[in-house]
């Protein structure tokens, strides 16, 4: 079952930039975060 993740104090500028990048890629912010986290974990062997 999927879990909700709440990040308090997330920098507004980073949120804005990430949301814009997701839009450019035609994906949701959630999909972008998942994609980046999976890539990071693959890289570090997690």
PDB file of N, CA and C in Angstrom:
ATOM      1  N   UNK A   1       0.836  -1.178   0.000  1.00  0.00           N
ATOM      2  CA  UNK A   1       0.000   0.000   0.000  1.00  0.00           C
ATOM      3  C   UNK A   1       0.884   1.245   0.000  1.00  0.00           C
ATOM      4  N   UNK A   2       0.531   2.220  -0.812  1.00  0.00           N
ATOM      5  CA  UNK A   2       1.301   3.463  -0.902  1.00  0.00           C
ATOM      6  C   UNK A   2       1.166   4.274   0.378  1.00  0.00           C
ATOM      7  N   UNK A   3       2.202   4.999   0.704  1.00  0.00           N
ATOM      8  CA  UNK A   3       2.240   5.845   1.899  1.00  0.00           C
ATOM      9  C   UNK A   3       2.275   7.307   1.487  1.00  0.00           C
ATOM     10  N   UNK A   4       1.717   8.153   2.324  1.00  0.00           N
ATOM     11  CA  UNK A   4       1.798   9.600   2.104  1.00  0.00           C
ATOM     12  C   UNK A   4       3.068  10.109   2.765  1.00  0.00           C
ATOM     13  N   UNK A   5       3.738  11.043   2.097  1.00  0.00           N
ATOM     14  CA  UNK A   5       4.943  11.651   2.641  1.00  0.00           C
ATOM     15  C   UNK A   5       4.695  13.154   2.731  1.00  0.00           C
ATOM     16  N   UNK A   6       4.876  13.698   3.914  1.00  0.00           N
ATOM     17  CA  UNK A   6       4.711  15.129   4.120  1.00  0.00           C
ATOM     18  C   UNK A   6       6.073  15.694   4.497  1.00  0.00           C
ATOM     19  N   UNK A   7       6.511  16.701   3.769  1.00  0.00           N
ATOM     20  CA  UNK A   7       7.801  17.321   4.040  1.00  0.00           C
ATOM     21  C   UNK A   7       7.538  18.746   4.516  1.00  0.00           C
ATOM     22  N   UNK A   8       7.730  18.976   5.791  1.00  0.00           N
ATOM     23  CA  UNK A   8       7.538  20.311   6.345  1.00  0.00           C
ATOM     24  C   UNK A   8       8.780  21.146   6.092  1.00  0.00           C
ATOM     25  N   UNK A   9       8.563  22.424   5.850  1.00  0.00           N
ATOM     26  CA  UNK A   9       9.688  23.334   5.660  1.00  0.00           C
ATOM     27  C   UNK A   9      10.394  23.173   4.326  1.00  0.00           C
ATOM     28  N   UNK A  10       9.719  22.581   3.341  1.00  0.00           N
ATOM     29  CA  UNK A  10      10.316  22.395   2.015  1.00  0.00           C
ATOM     30  C   UNK A  10      10.495  23.769   1.375  1.00  0.00           C
ATOM     31  N   UNK A  11      11.677  24.104   0.894  1.00  0.00           N
ATOM     32  CA  UNK A  11      11.928  25.435   0.335  1.00  0.00           C
ATOM     33  C   UNK A  11      10.997  25.754  -0.843  1.00  0.00           C
ATOM     34  N   UNK A  12      10.348  26.908  -0.786  1.00  0.00           N
ATOM     35  CA  UNK A  12       9.390  27.290  -1.821  1.00  0.00           C
ATOM     36  C   UNK A  12      10.031  27.369  -3.199  1.00  0.00           C
ATOM     37  N   UNK A  13      11.239  27.932  -3.276  1.00  0.00           N
ATOM     38  CA  UNK A  13      11.918  28.075  -4.565  1.00  0.00           C
ATOM     39  C   UNK A  13      12.235  26.705  -5.168  1.00  0.00           C
ATOM     40  N   UNK A  14      12.666  25.759  -4.349  1.00  0.00           N
ATOM     41  CA  UNK A  14      12.947  24.408  -4.835  1.00  0.00           C
ATOM     42  C   UNK A  14      11.666  23.740  -5.318  1.00  0.00           C
ATOM     43  N   UNK A  15      10.587  23.929  -4.588  1.00  0.00           N
ATOM     44  CA  UNK A  15       9.290  23.381  -4.991  1.00  0.00           C
ATOM     45  C   UNK A  15       8.862  23.960  -6.340  1.00  0.00           C
ATOM     46  N   UNK A  16       9.006  25.258  -6.499  1.00  0.00           N
ATOM     47  CA  UNK A  16       8.622  25.914  -7.747  1.00  0.00           C
ATOM     48  C   UNK A  16       9.445  25.387  -8.923  1.00  0.00           C
ATOM     49  N   UNK A  17      10.760  25.274  -8.721  1.00  0.00           N
ATOM     50  CA  UNK A  17      11.635  24.788  -9.790  1.00  0.00           C
ATOM     51  C   UNK A  17      11.345  23.334 -10.147  1.00  0.00           C
ATOM     52  N   UNK A  18      11.119  22.511  -9.132  1.00  0.00           N
ATOM     53  CA  UNK A  18      10.824  21.097  -9.375  1.00  0.00           C
ATOM     54  C   UNK A  18       9.498  20.927 -10.098  1.00  0.00           C
ATOM     55  N   UNK A  19       8.505  21.710  -9.693  1.00  0.00           N
ATOM     56  CA  UNK A  19       7.191  21.628 -10.342  1.00  0.00           C
ATOM     57  C   UNK A  19       7.288  22.065 -11.806  1.00  0.00           C
ATOM     58  N   UNK A  20       8.083  23.101 -12.063  1.00  0.00           N
ATOM     59  CA  UNK A  20       8.281  23.569 -13.435  1.00  0.00           C
ATOM     60  C   UNK A  20       8.993  22.501 -14.268  1.00  0.00           C
ATOM     61  N   UNK A  21      10.014  21.855 -13.693  1.00  0.00           N
ATOM     62  CA  UNK A  21      10.750  20.801 -14.413  1.00  0.00           C
ATOM     63  C   UNK A  21       9.835  19.628 -14.727  1.00  0.00           C
ATOM     64  N   UNK A  22       9.003  19.252 -13.757  1.00  0.00           N
ATOM     65  CA  UNK A  22       8.049  18.162 -13.986  1.00  0.00           C
ATOM     66  C   UNK A  22       7.114  18.514 -15.134  1.00  0.00           C
ATOM     67  N   UNK A  23       6.634  19.747 -15.151  1.00  0.00           N
ATOM     68  CA  UNK A  23       5.735  20.178 -16.230  1.00  0.00           C
ATOM     69  C   UNK A  23       6.443  20.108 -17.583  1.00  0.00           C
ATOM     70  N   UNK A  24       7.697  20.517 -17.634  1.00  0.00           N
ATOM     71  CA  UNK A  24       8.457  20.446 -18.889  1.00  0.00           C
ATOM     72  C   UNK A  24       8.603  19.005 -19.370  1.00  0.00           C
ATOM     73  N   UNK A  25       8.711  18.077 -18.427  1.00  0.00           N
ATOM     74  CA  UNK A  25       8.844  16.656 -18.767  1.00  0.00           C
ATOM     75  C   UNK A  25       7.493  15.991 -18.994  1.00  0.00           C
ATOM     76  N   UNK A  26       6.400  16.730 -18.723  1.00  0.00           N
ATOM     77  CA  UNK A  26       5.062  16.178 -18.930  1.00  0.00           C
ATOM     78  C   UNK A  26       4.659  15.167 -17.874  1.00  0.00           C
ATOM     79  N   UNK A  27       5.228  15.315 -16.676  1.00  0.00           N
ATOM     80  CA  UNK A  27       4.907  14.398 -15.581  1.00  0.00           C
ATOM     81  C   UNK A  27       4.498  15.212 -14.350  1.00  0.00           C
ATOM     82  N   UNK A  28       3.991  14.528 -13.355  1.00  0.00           N
ATOM     83  CA  UNK A  28       3.608  15.200 -12.120  1.00  0.00           C
ATOM     84  C   UNK A  28       4.834  15.404 -11.231  1.00  0.00           C
ATOM     85  N   UNK A  29       4.692  16.283 -10.267  1.00  0.00           N
ATOM     86  CA  UNK A  29       5.761  16.491  -9.305  1.00  0.00           C
ATOM     87  C   UNK A  29       6.037  15.195  -8.540  1.00  0.00           C
ATOM     88  N   UNK A  30       4.987  14.478  -8.204  1.00  0.00           N
ATOM     89  CA  UNK A  30       5.134  13.189  -7.529  1.00  0.00           C
ATOM     90  C   UNK A  30       5.968  12.230  -8.376  1.00  0.00           C
ATOM     91  N   UNK A  31       5.666  12.150  -9.671  1.00  0.00           N
ATOM     92  CA  UNK A  31       6.404  11.254 -10.564  1.00  0.00           C
ATOM     93  C   UNK A  31       7.868  11.672 -10.664  1.00  0.00           C
ATOM     94  N   UNK A  32       8.125  12.971 -10.690  1.00  0.00           N
ATOM     95  CA  UNK A  32       9.497  13.460 -10.751  1.00  0.00           C
ATOM     96  C   UNK A  32      10.269  13.075  -9.489  1.00  0.00           C
ATOM     97  N   UNK A  33       9.655  13.258  -8.338  1.00  0.00           N
ATOM     98  CA  UNK A  33      10.314  12.921  -7.075  1.00  0.00           C
ATOM     99  C   UNK A  33      10.604  11.420  -7.009  1.00  0.00           C
ATOM    100  N   UNK A  34       9.652  10.599  -7.418  1.00  0.00           N
ATOM    101  CA  UNK A  34       9.854   9.147  -7.420  1.00  0.00           C
ATOM    102  C   UNK A  34      10.990   8.776  -8.367  1.00  0.00           C
ATOM    103  N   UNK A  35      10.985   9.357  -9.558  1.00  0.00           N
ATOM    104  CA  UNK A  35      12.030   9.090 -10.550  1.00  0.00           C
ATOM    105  C   UNK A  35      13.414   9.443 -10.000  1.00  0.00           C
ATOM    106  N   UNK A  36      13.526  10.610  -9.376  1.00  0.00           N
ATOM    107  CA  UNK A  36      14.810  11.045  -8.849  1.00  0.00           C
ATOM    108  C   UNK A  36      15.253  10.200  -7.665  1.00  0.00           C
ATOM    109  N   UNK A  37      14.339   9.853  -6.791  1.00  0.00           N
ATOM    110  CA  UNK A  37      14.674   9.029  -5.632  1.00  0.00           C
ATOM    111  C   UNK A  37      15.099   7.624  -6.062  1.00  0.00           C
ATOM    112  N   UNK A  38      14.392   7.058  -7.037  1.00  0.00           N
ATOM    113  CA  UNK A  38      14.789   5.737  -7.548  1.00  0.00           C
ATOM    114  C   UNK A  38      16.181   5.796  -8.166  1.00  0.00           C
ATOM    115  N   UNK A  39      16.460   6.857  -8.935  1.00  0.00           N
ATOM    116  CA  UNK A  39      17.776   7.015  -9.544  1.00  0.00           C
ATOM    117  C   UNK A  39      18.876   7.137  -8.507  1.00  0.00           C
ATOM    118  N   UNK A  40      18.600   7.903  -7.465  1.00  0.00           N
ATOM    119  CA  UNK A  40      19.575   8.062  -6.375  1.00  0.00           C
ATOM    120  C   UNK A  40      19.838   6.730  -5.686  1.00  0.00           C
ATOM    121  N   UNK A  41      18.776   6.023  -5.348  1.00  0.00           N
ATOM    122  CA  UNK A  41      18.937   4.743  -4.650  1.00  0.00           C
ATOM    123  C   UNK A  41      19.665   3.722  -5.524  1.00  0.00           C
ATOM    124  N   UNK A  42      19.408   3.738  -6.817  1.00  0.00           N
ATOM    125  CA  UNK A  42      20.118   2.845  -7.743  1.00  0.00           C
ATOM    126  C   UNK A  42      21.615   3.168  -7.734  1.00  0.00           C
ATOM    127  N   UNK A  43      21.904   4.464  -7.738  1.00  0.00           N
ATOM    128  CA  UNK A  43      23.294   4.924  -7.775  1.00  0.00           C
ATOM    129  C   UNK A  43      24.071   4.535  -6.515  1.00  0.00           C
ATOM    130  N   UNK A  44      23.435   4.665  -5.346  1.00  0.00           N
ATOM    131  CA  UNK A  44      24.136   4.393  -4.090  1.00  0.00           C
ATOM    132  C   UNK A  44      23.958   2.956  -3.619  1.00  0.00           C
ATOM    133  N   UNK A  45      23.208   2.158  -4.400  1.00  0.00           N
ATOM    134  CA  UNK A  45      23.056   0.762  -4.060  1.00  0.00           C
ATOM    135  C   UNK A  45      22.007   0.487  -3.000  1.00  0.00           C
ATOM    136  N   UNK A  46      21.019   1.346  -2.926  1.00  0.00           N
ATOM    137  CA  UNK A  46      19.973   1.178  -1.911  1.00  0.00           C
ATOM    138  C   UNK A  46      18.773   0.426  -2.391  1.00  0.00           C
TER     139      UNK A  46
END
